[in-house]
């Protein structure tokens, strides 16, 4: 049994298909439709990206969504932001998921099939970002819940689009349409939705034709700065997020 066979059906919220040339497509979903992110997917995606990174037969990874959104819906089920043990789990998973994406040592293409209103940091760790005209970016849930956006968006948006723009994006909950995101440097190409995956696979096939060590080591070389940023800042940002969540819990208890 190949390594791929050992994990490709293991994740209920990720549909994995791989071509003979090693191009792996990962489509996030809930029951076949667009993903509803919750505490269970938060935990699941840590191991998903770990398994992908450990499989040396993967040559290029395409990360995409299902339905009409990449990620725009969140459900609090499975999260415990308000106890030390519960938030310890969130903090650990939040750090590990970013490091596990960076540990995927082959080029990654994010094919964003619609709005990205949460966990846009997943996409920003890809090497090529494709969007549709319907794609918009926003960091919505953190301030909706009254907590610090410390899970990686705080690190990567200022890095990708510039410090002033990135801080404005976070603090104002700015909605970036695809064209603006492309102008800012967060998107490489805008593709009609019905051609998005075709374009992603064309790029992936081109990269997969390179010698394996060339493509693998190029990904490593290109992401060293991002790895330093994540290693230095993710734990601290998530700790600040946890402190703010504790204050929200205290306020909720006072109103009960």
C-alpha atoms as a PDB file:
ATOM      1  CA  UNK A   1       0.000   0.000   0.000  1.00  0.00           C
ATOM      2  CA  UNK A   2       1.346   3.439  -0.934  1.00  0.00           C
ATOM      3  CA  UNK A   3       1.562   6.171   1.669  1.00  0.00           C
ATOM      4  CA  UNK A   4      -1.138   8.119  -0.187  1.00  0.00           C
ATOM      5  CA  UNK A   5      -3.564   5.220   0.142  1.00  0.00           C
ATOM      6  CA  UNK A   6      -3.025   5.271   3.908  1.00  0.00           C
ATOM      7  CA  UNK A   7      -4.391   8.817   4.334  1.00  0.00           C
ATOM      8  CA  UNK A   8      -6.267  10.025   1.265  1.00  0.00           C
ATOM      9  CA  UNK A   9      -9.670   8.987   2.683  1.00  0.00           C
ATOM     10  CA  UNK A  10      -8.792   9.783   6.299  1.00  0.00           C
ATOM     11  CA  UNK A  11     -10.080  13.362   6.459  1.00  0.00           C
ATOM     12  CA  UNK A  12     -13.837  13.964   6.359  1.00  0.00           C
ATOM     13  CA  UNK A  13     -13.413  17.634   5.409  1.00  0.00           C
ATOM     14  CA  UNK A  14     -10.768  17.270   2.709  1.00  0.00           C
ATOM     15  CA  UNK A  15     -11.168  15.529  -0.649  1.00  0.00           C
ATOM     16  CA  UNK A  16      -7.757  14.406  -1.906  1.00  0.00           C
ATOM     17  CA  UNK A  17      -7.021  13.368  -5.490  1.00  0.00           C
ATOM     18  CA  UNK A  18      -3.574  12.832  -6.982  1.00  0.00           C
ATOM     19  CA  UNK A  19      -2.517  12.466 -10.582  1.00  0.00           C
ATOM     20  CA  UNK A  20       0.204  10.163 -11.829  1.00  0.00           C
ATOM     21  CA  UNK A  21       2.667  13.072 -12.015  1.00  0.00           C
ATOM     22  CA  UNK A  22       2.330  13.717  -8.281  1.00  0.00           C
ATOM     23  CA  UNK A  23       0.035  16.759  -8.454  1.00  0.00           C
ATOM     24  CA  UNK A  24      -2.190  16.552  -5.377  1.00  0.00           C
ATOM     25  CA  UNK A  25      -5.480  18.455  -5.282  1.00  0.00           C
ATOM     26  CA  UNK A  26      -6.877  19.141  -1.803  1.00  0.00           C
ATOM     27  CA  UNK A  27     -10.464  20.408  -1.771  1.00  0.00           C
ATOM     28  CA  UNK A  28     -11.766  21.515   1.630  1.00  0.00           C
ATOM     29  CA  UNK A  29     -15.466  20.829   2.139  1.00  0.00           C
ATOM     30  CA  UNK A  30     -18.306  19.988   4.494  1.00  0.00           C
ATOM     31  CA  UNK A  31     -20.560  17.194   3.236  1.00  0.00           C
ATOM     32  CA  UNK A  32     -19.383  17.877  -0.296  1.00  0.00           C
ATOM     33  CA  UNK A  33     -20.328  21.568  -0.200  1.00  0.00           C
ATOM     34  CA  UNK A  34     -18.480  24.613   1.013  1.00  0.00           C
ATOM     35  CA  UNK A  35     -16.484  24.209   4.182  1.00  0.00           C
ATOM     36  CA  UNK A  36     -17.982  25.156   7.540  1.00  0.00           C
ATOM     37  CA  UNK A  37     -14.943  25.663   9.743  1.00  0.00           C
ATOM     38  CA  UNK A  38     -15.219  24.541  13.386  1.00  0.00           C
ATOM     39  CA  UNK A  39     -13.147  23.130  16.201  1.00  0.00           C
ATOM     40  CA  UNK A  40     -13.110  19.693  14.617  1.00  0.00           C
ATOM     41  CA  UNK A  41     -11.692  20.948  11.303  1.00  0.00           C
ATOM     42  CA  UNK A  42      -9.200  23.071  13.264  1.00  0.00           C
ATOM     43  CA  UNK A  43      -7.864  19.847  14.778  1.00  0.00           C
ATOM     44  CA  UNK A  44      -8.220  17.783  11.607  1.00  0.00           C
ATOM     45  CA  UNK A  45      -6.231  20.112   9.359  1.00  0.00           C
ATOM     46  CA  UNK A  46      -3.141  19.839  11.571  1.00  0.00           C
ATOM     47  CA  UNK A  47      -2.830  16.167  10.673  1.00  0.00           C
ATOM     48  CA  UNK A  48      -4.015  16.711   7.084  1.00  0.00           C
ATOM     49  CA  UNK A  49      -1.122  19.004   6.246  1.00  0.00           C
ATOM     50  CA  UNK A  50       1.304  16.845   8.229  1.00  0.00           C
ATOM     51  CA  UNK A  51       0.430  13.753   6.200  1.00  0.00           C
ATOM     52  CA  UNK A  52       0.687  15.677   2.923  1.00  0.00           C
ATOM     53  CA  UNK A  53       4.101  16.966   3.886  1.00  0.00           C
ATOM     54  CA  UNK A  54       5.360  13.529   4.879  1.00  0.00           C
ATOM     55  CA  UNK A  55       4.432  11.943   1.534  1.00  0.00           C
ATOM     56  CA  UNK A  56       7.470  12.269  -0.726  1.00  0.00           C
ATOM     57  CA  UNK A  57       5.416  11.231  -3.767  1.00  0.00           C
ATOM     58  CA  UNK A  58       3.537  14.543  -3.693  1.00  0.00           C
ATOM     59  CA  UNK A  59       5.173  16.857  -6.228  1.00  0.00           C
ATOM     60  CA  UNK A  60       2.858  19.892  -6.189  1.00  0.00           C
ATOM     61  CA  UNK A  61      -0.129  20.665  -3.944  1.00  0.00           C
ATOM     62  CA  UNK A  62      -3.216  22.543  -5.102  1.00  0.00           C
ATOM     63  CA  UNK A  63      -5.304  23.825  -2.179  1.00  0.00           C
ATOM     64  CA  UNK A  64      -8.861  24.817  -3.032  1.00  0.00           C
ATOM     65  CA  UNK A  65     -12.387  24.931  -1.625  1.00  0.00           C
ATOM     66  CA  UNK A  66     -15.756  23.524  -2.555  1.00  0.00           C
ATOM     67  CA  UNK A  67     -18.986  25.193  -3.554  1.00  0.00           C
ATOM     68  CA  UNK A  68     -18.970  28.958  -3.857  1.00  0.00           C
ATOM     69  CA  UNK A  69     -16.401  29.820  -1.167  1.00  0.00           C
ATOM     70  CA  UNK A  70     -12.908  28.875  -0.118  1.00  0.00           C
ATOM     71  CA  UNK A  71     -13.679  29.579   3.543  1.00  0.00           C
ATOM     72  CA  UNK A  72     -16.392  31.979   4.676  1.00  0.00           C
ATOM     73  CA  UNK A  73     -18.362  30.165   7.375  1.00  0.00           C
ATOM     74  CA  UNK A  74     -17.469  29.294  10.958  1.00  0.00           C
ATOM     75  CA  UNK A  75     -19.302  27.393  13.670  1.00  0.00           C
ATOM     76  CA  UNK A  76     -18.145  27.502  17.317  1.00  0.00           C
ATOM     77  CA  UNK A  77     -18.807  23.769  17.769  1.00  0.00           C
ATOM     78  CA  UNK A  78     -15.705  21.987  19.019  1.00  0.00           C
ATOM     79  CA  UNK A  79     -13.915  25.132  20.194  1.00  0.00           C
ATOM     80  CA  UNK A  80     -13.235  25.949  23.832  1.00  0.00           C
ATOM     81  CA  UNK A  81     -11.768  29.447  23.918  1.00  0.00           C
ATOM     82  CA  UNK A  82     -12.686  30.074  27.527  1.00  0.00           C
ATOM     83  CA  UNK A  83     -10.764  27.574  29.665  1.00  0.00           C
ATOM     84  CA  UNK A  84      -6.986  27.195  29.985  1.00  0.00           C
ATOM     85  CA  UNK A  85      -7.022  23.561  28.842  1.00  0.00           C
ATOM     86  CA  UNK A  86      -9.371  24.333  25.965  1.00  0.00           C
ATOM     87  CA  UNK A  87      -7.337  27.251  24.735  1.00  0.00           C
ATOM     88  CA  UNK A  88      -4.088  25.327  25.134  1.00  0.00           C
ATOM     89  CA  UNK A  89      -5.445  22.935  22.496  1.00  0.00           C
ATOM     90  CA  UNK A  90      -6.342  25.817  20.174  1.00  0.00           C
ATOM     91  CA  UNK A  91      -2.928  27.426  20.622  1.00  0.00           C
ATOM     92  CA  UNK A  92      -1.080  24.198  19.898  1.00  0.00           C
ATOM     93  CA  UNK A  93      -3.162  23.428  16.820  1.00  0.00           C
ATOM     94  CA  UNK A  94      -2.878  27.009  15.585  1.00  0.00           C
ATOM     95  CA  UNK A  95       0.911  26.870  15.731  1.00  0.00           C
ATOM     96  CA  UNK A  96       1.165  23.367  14.307  1.00  0.00           C
ATOM     97  CA  UNK A  97      -1.116  23.916  11.317  1.00  0.00           C
ATOM     98  CA  UNK A  98       1.025  26.813  10.078  1.00  0.00           C
ATOM     99  CA  UNK A  99       4.297  24.965  10.602  1.00  0.00           C
ATOM    100  CA  UNK A 100       2.846  21.854   8.951  1.00  0.00           C
ATOM    101  CA  UNK A 101       1.840  23.855   5.864  1.00  0.00           C
ATOM    102  CA  UNK A 102       5.370  25.230   5.688  1.00  0.00           C
ATOM    103  CA  UNK A 103       6.693  21.692   6.133  1.00  0.00           C
ATOM    104  CA  UNK A 104       5.039  20.763   2.834  1.00  0.00           C
ATOM    105  CA  UNK A 105       8.326  20.942   0.958  1.00  0.00           C
ATOM    106  CA  UNK A 106       6.846  21.043  -2.537  1.00  0.00           C
ATOM    107  CA  UNK A 107       5.353  24.049  -4.326  1.00  0.00           C
ATOM    108  CA  UNK A 108       1.813  24.958  -3.328  1.00  0.00           C
ATOM    109  CA  UNK A 109      -0.884  26.646  -5.388  1.00  0.00           C
ATOM    110  CA  UNK A 110      -3.918  28.176  -3.661  1.00  0.00           C
ATOM    111  CA  UNK A 111      -6.912  28.128  -6.031  1.00  0.00           C
ATOM    112  CA  UNK A 112      -9.379  30.365  -4.214  1.00  0.00           C
ATOM    113  CA  UNK A 113     -12.810  29.583  -5.590  1.00  0.00           C
ATOM    114  CA  UNK A 114     -14.668  32.293  -3.668  1.00  0.00           C
ATOM    115  CA  UNK A 115     -14.644  34.403  -0.495  1.00  0.00           C
ATOM    116  CA  UNK A 116     -11.880  33.932   2.086  1.00  0.00           C
ATOM    117  CA  UNK A 117     -13.241  35.455   5.286  1.00  0.00           C
ATOM    118  CA  UNK A 118     -11.260  33.376   7.762  1.00  0.00           C
ATOM    119  CA  UNK A 119      -7.915  31.594   7.874  1.00  0.00           C
ATOM    120  CA  UNK A 120      -6.631  33.427   4.836  1.00  0.00           C
ATOM    121  CA  UNK A 121      -3.178  32.727   6.277  1.00  0.00           C
ATOM    122  CA  UNK A 122      -3.466  29.197   4.840  1.00  0.00           C
ATOM    123  CA  UNK A 123      -3.599  30.672   1.340  1.00  0.00           C
ATOM    124  CA  UNK A 124      -0.837  33.197   2.007  1.00  0.00           C
ATOM    125  CA  UNK A 125       1.572  30.352   2.759  1.00  0.00           C
ATOM    126  CA  UNK A 126       1.132  29.059  -0.804  1.00  0.00           C
ATOM    127  CA  UNK A 127       3.612  30.010  -3.511  1.00  0.00           C
ATOM    128  CA  UNK A 128       1.076  30.889  -6.204  1.00  0.00           C
ATOM    129  CA  UNK A 129      -2.354  32.348  -5.451  1.00  0.00           C
ATOM    130  CA  UNK A 130      -5.133  32.179  -8.022  1.00  0.00           C
ATOM    131  CA  UNK A 131      -8.507  33.806  -7.405  1.00  0.00           C
ATOM    132  CA  UNK A 132     -11.841  34.151  -9.171  1.00  0.00           C
ATOM    133  CA  UNK A 133     -13.616  37.469  -9.756  1.00  0.00           C
ATOM    134  CA  UNK A 134     -15.896  36.479  -6.859  1.00  0.00           C
ATOM    135  CA  UNK A 135     -13.027  36.040  -4.402  1.00  0.00           C
ATOM    136  CA  UNK A 136     -12.861  38.579  -1.590  1.00  0.00           C
ATOM    137  CA  UNK A 137     -10.628  38.645   1.464  1.00  0.00           C
ATOM    138  CA  UNK A 138     -11.550  39.766   4.965  1.00  0.00           C
ATOM    139  CA  UNK A 139     -10.606  38.837   8.513  1.00  0.00           C
ATOM    140  CA  UNK A 140     -14.130  38.694   9.882  1.00  0.00           C
ATOM    141  CA  UNK A 141     -14.594  36.261  12.798  1.00  0.00           C
ATOM    142  CA  UNK A 142     -11.955  37.507  15.237  1.00  0.00           C
ATOM    143  CA  UNK A 143     -13.470  40.913  15.906  1.00  0.00           C
ATOM    144  CA  UNK A 144     -16.973  39.436  15.565  1.00  0.00           C
ATOM    145  CA  UNK A 145     -16.099  37.263  18.574  1.00  0.00           C
ATOM    146  CA  UNK A 146     -14.239  40.122  20.276  1.00  0.00           C
ATOM    147  CA  UNK A 147     -10.837  38.457  20.217  1.00  0.00           C
ATOM    148  CA  UNK A 148      -7.366  39.333  18.927  1.00  0.00           C
ATOM    149  CA  UNK A 149      -6.600  38.175  15.348  1.00  0.00           C
ATOM    150  CA  UNK A 150      -3.425  36.421  16.440  1.00  0.00           C
ATOM    151  CA  UNK A 151      -3.501  33.137  14.531  1.00  0.00           C
ATOM    152  CA  UNK A 152      -1.227  34.161  11.660  1.00  0.00           C
ATOM    153  CA  UNK A 153      -3.234  36.758   9.735  1.00  0.00           C
ATOM    154  CA  UNK A 154      -1.515  39.364  11.919  1.00  0.00           C
ATOM    155  CA  UNK A 155       1.860  38.120  10.682  1.00  0.00           C
ATOM    156  CA  UNK A 156       1.246  37.337   7.038  1.00  0.00           C
ATOM    157  CA  UNK A 157      -0.974  40.142   5.747  1.00  0.00           C
ATOM    158  CA  UNK A 158       1.491  42.909   6.719  1.00  0.00           C
ATOM    159  CA  UNK A 159       4.276  40.814   5.190  1.00  0.00           C
ATOM    160  CA  UNK A 160       2.431  40.210   1.914  1.00  0.00           C
ATOM    161  CA  UNK A 161       0.771  43.569   1.219  1.00  0.00           C
ATOM    162  CA  UNK A 162       2.925  45.890   3.357  1.00  0.00           C
ATOM    163  CA  UNK A 163       2.871  46.899   6.984  1.00  0.00           C
ATOM    164  CA  UNK A 164       0.516  49.877   6.763  1.00  0.00           C
ATOM    165  CA  UNK A 165      -1.918  48.185   4.389  1.00  0.00           C
ATOM    166  CA  UNK A 166      -1.819  44.954   6.392  1.00  0.00           C
ATOM    167  CA  UNK A 167      -2.563  46.600   9.715  1.00  0.00           C
ATOM    168  CA  UNK A 168      -5.390  48.612   8.135  1.00  0.00           C
ATOM    169  CA  UNK A 169      -6.814  45.413   6.625  1.00  0.00           C
ATOM    170  CA  UNK A 170      -6.912  43.742  10.050  1.00  0.00           C
ATOM    171  CA  UNK A 171      -8.064  46.679  12.174  1.00  0.00           C
ATOM    172  CA  UNK A 172     -10.872  47.878   9.899  1.00  0.00           C
ATOM    173  CA  UNK A 173     -12.038  44.433   8.756  1.00  0.00           C
ATOM    174  CA  UNK A 174     -11.435  45.706   5.245  1.00  0.00           C
ATOM    175  CA  UNK A 175     -12.957  43.714   2.389  1.00  0.00           C
ATOM    176  CA  UNK A 176     -10.414  43.278  -0.414  1.00  0.00           C
ATOM    177  CA  UNK A 177     -11.878  42.336  -3.775  1.00  0.00           C
ATOM    178  CA  UNK A 178      -9.808  40.187  -6.093  1.00  0.00           C
ATOM    179  CA  UNK A 179      -8.592  43.080  -8.237  1.00  0.00           C
ATOM    180  CA  UNK A 180      -7.449  45.100  -5.228  1.00  0.00           C
ATOM    181  CA  UNK A 181      -5.791  42.046  -3.711  1.00  0.00           C
ATOM    182  CA  UNK A 182      -3.954  41.522  -7.016  1.00  0.00           C
ATOM    183  CA  UNK A 183      -2.864  45.167  -7.075  1.00  0.00           C
ATOM    184  CA  UNK A 184      -1.622  44.785  -3.484  1.00  0.00           C
ATOM    185  CA  UNK A 185       0.365  41.647  -4.335  1.00  0.00           C
ATOM    186  CA  UNK A 186      -1.760  39.048  -2.551  1.00  0.00           C
ATOM    187  CA  UNK A 187      -3.078  37.419  -5.745  1.00  0.00           C
ATOM    188  CA  UNK A 188      -1.163  36.410  -8.863  1.00  0.00           C
ATOM    189  CA  UNK A 189      -3.972  35.767 -11.334  1.00  0.00           C
ATOM    190  CA  UNK A 190      -7.743  36.242 -11.502  1.00  0.00           C
ATOM    191  CA  UNK A 191      -9.403  33.391 -13.380  1.00  0.00           C
ATOM    192  CA  UNK A 192     -13.085  32.764 -14.224  1.00  0.00           C
ATOM    193  CA  UNK A 193     -14.498  30.244 -11.772  1.00  0.00           C
ATOM    194  CA  UNK A 194     -15.108  27.574 -14.407  1.00  0.00           C
ATOM    195  CA  UNK A 195     -11.447  27.756 -15.480  1.00  0.00           C
ATOM    196  CA  UNK A 196      -9.817  28.081 -12.061  1.00  0.00           C
ATOM    197  CA  UNK A 197      -8.792  24.481 -11.486  1.00  0.00           C
ATOM    198  CA  UNK A 198      -7.815  24.020 -15.119  1.00  0.00           C
ATOM    199  CA  UNK A 199      -5.355  26.880 -14.751  1.00  0.00           C
ATOM    200  CA  UNK A 200      -4.143  25.597 -11.373  1.00  0.00           C
ATOM    201  CA  UNK A 201      -3.447  22.171 -12.833  1.00  0.00           C
ATOM    202  CA  UNK A 202      -1.675  23.636 -15.867  1.00  0.00           C
ATOM    203  CA  UNK A 203       0.701  25.505 -13.566  1.00  0.00           C
ATOM    204  CA  UNK A 204       1.089  22.484 -11.308  1.00  0.00           C
ATOM    205  CA  UNK A 205       1.887  20.168 -14.244  1.00  0.00           C
ATOM    206  CA  UNK A 206       4.544  22.624 -15.421  1.00  0.00           C
ATOM    207  CA  UNK A 207       6.167  22.666 -11.977  1.00  0.00           C
ATOM    208  CA  UNK A 208       5.847  18.895 -11.541  1.00  0.00           C
ATOM    209  CA  UNK A 209       7.911  18.419 -14.709  1.00  0.00           C
ATOM    210  CA  UNK A 210      10.950  19.895 -12.953  1.00  0.00           C
ATOM    211  CA  UNK A 211      13.482  17.547 -11.332  1.00  0.00           C
ATOM    212  CA  UNK A 212      12.023  16.545  -7.938  1.00  0.00           C
ATOM    213  CA  UNK A 213      14.791  18.039  -5.822  1.00  0.00           C
ATOM    214  CA  UNK A 214      14.724  21.260  -7.824  1.00  0.00           C
ATOM    215  CA  UNK A 215      11.044  21.925  -7.173  1.00  0.00           C
ATOM    216  CA  UNK A 216      11.257  20.736  -3.572  1.00  0.00           C
ATOM    217  CA  UNK A 217      14.276  22.815  -2.652  1.00  0.00           C
ATOM    218  CA  UNK A 218      12.905  25.857  -4.460  1.00  0.00           C
ATOM    219  CA  UNK A 219       9.839  25.775  -2.188  1.00  0.00           C
ATOM    220  CA  UNK A 220      12.161  25.524   0.820  1.00  0.00           C
ATOM    221  CA  UNK A 221      14.291  28.402  -0.410  1.00  0.00           C
ATOM    222  CA  UNK A 222      11.294  30.626  -1.098  1.00  0.00           C
ATOM    223  CA  UNK A 223       9.637  30.093   2.281  1.00  0.00           C
ATOM    224  CA  UNK A 224      12.559  30.512   4.686  1.00  0.00           C
ATOM    225  CA  UNK A 225      11.539  34.065   5.603  1.00  0.00           C
ATOM    226  CA  UNK A 226       7.926  32.995   6.161  1.00  0.00           C
ATOM    227  CA  UNK A 227       9.107  30.172   8.396  1.00  0.00           C
ATOM    228  CA  UNK A 228      11.065  32.633  10.542  1.00  0.00           C
ATOM    229  CA  UNK A 229       8.079  34.958  10.776  1.00  0.00           C
ATOM    230  CA  UNK A 230       5.746  32.139  11.801  1.00  0.00           C
ATOM    231  CA  UNK A 231       8.220  30.553  14.228  1.00  0.00           C
ATOM    232  CA  UNK A 232       8.849  33.875  15.965  1.00  0.00           C
ATOM    233  CA  UNK A 233       5.319  35.245  16.053  1.00  0.00           C
ATOM    234  CA  UNK A 234       2.620  32.572  15.947  1.00  0.00           C
ATOM    235  CA  UNK A 235       2.821  31.456  19.575  1.00  0.00           C
ATOM    236  CA  UNK A 236       2.885  35.019  20.878  1.00  0.00           C
ATOM    237  CA  UNK A 237      -0.036  36.103  18.702  1.00  0.00           C
ATOM    238  CA  UNK A 238      -2.118  33.112  19.734  1.00  0.00           C
ATOM    239  CA  UNK A 239      -1.312  33.769  23.408  1.00  0.00           C
ATOM    240  CA  UNK A 240      -2.625  37.330  23.029  1.00  0.00           C
ATOM    241  CA  UNK A 241      -5.710  35.930  21.345  1.00  0.00           C
ATOM    242  CA  UNK A 242      -6.218  33.640  24.334  1.00  0.00           C
ATOM    243  CA  UNK A 243      -5.917  36.484  26.837  1.00  0.00           C
ATOM    244  CA  UNK A 244      -8.542  38.460  24.960  1.00  0.00           C
ATOM    245  CA  UNK A 245     -10.794  35.391  24.864  1.00  0.00           C
ATOM    246  CA  UNK A 246     -10.482  35.086  28.654  1.00  0.00           C
ATOM    247  CA  UNK A 247     -11.632  38.695  28.996  1.00  0.00           C
ATOM    248  CA  UNK A 248     -14.616  37.995  26.729  1.00  0.00           C
ATOM    249  CA  UNK A 249     -15.466  35.002  28.928  1.00  0.00           C
ATOM    250  CA  UNK A 250     -15.249  37.153  32.065  1.00  0.00           C
ATOM    251  CA  UNK A 251     -17.583  39.736  30.562  1.00  0.00           C
ATOM    252  CA  UNK A 252     -20.050  37.054  29.465  1.00  0.00           C
ATOM    253  CA  UNK A 253     -20.035  35.559  32.950  1.00  0.00           C
ATOM    254  CA  UNK A 254     -20.757  38.975  34.448  1.00  0.00           C
ATOM    255  CA  UNK A 255     -23.776  39.395  32.208  1.00  0.00           C
ATOM    256  CA  UNK A 256     -25.205  35.978  33.003  1.00  0.00           C
END
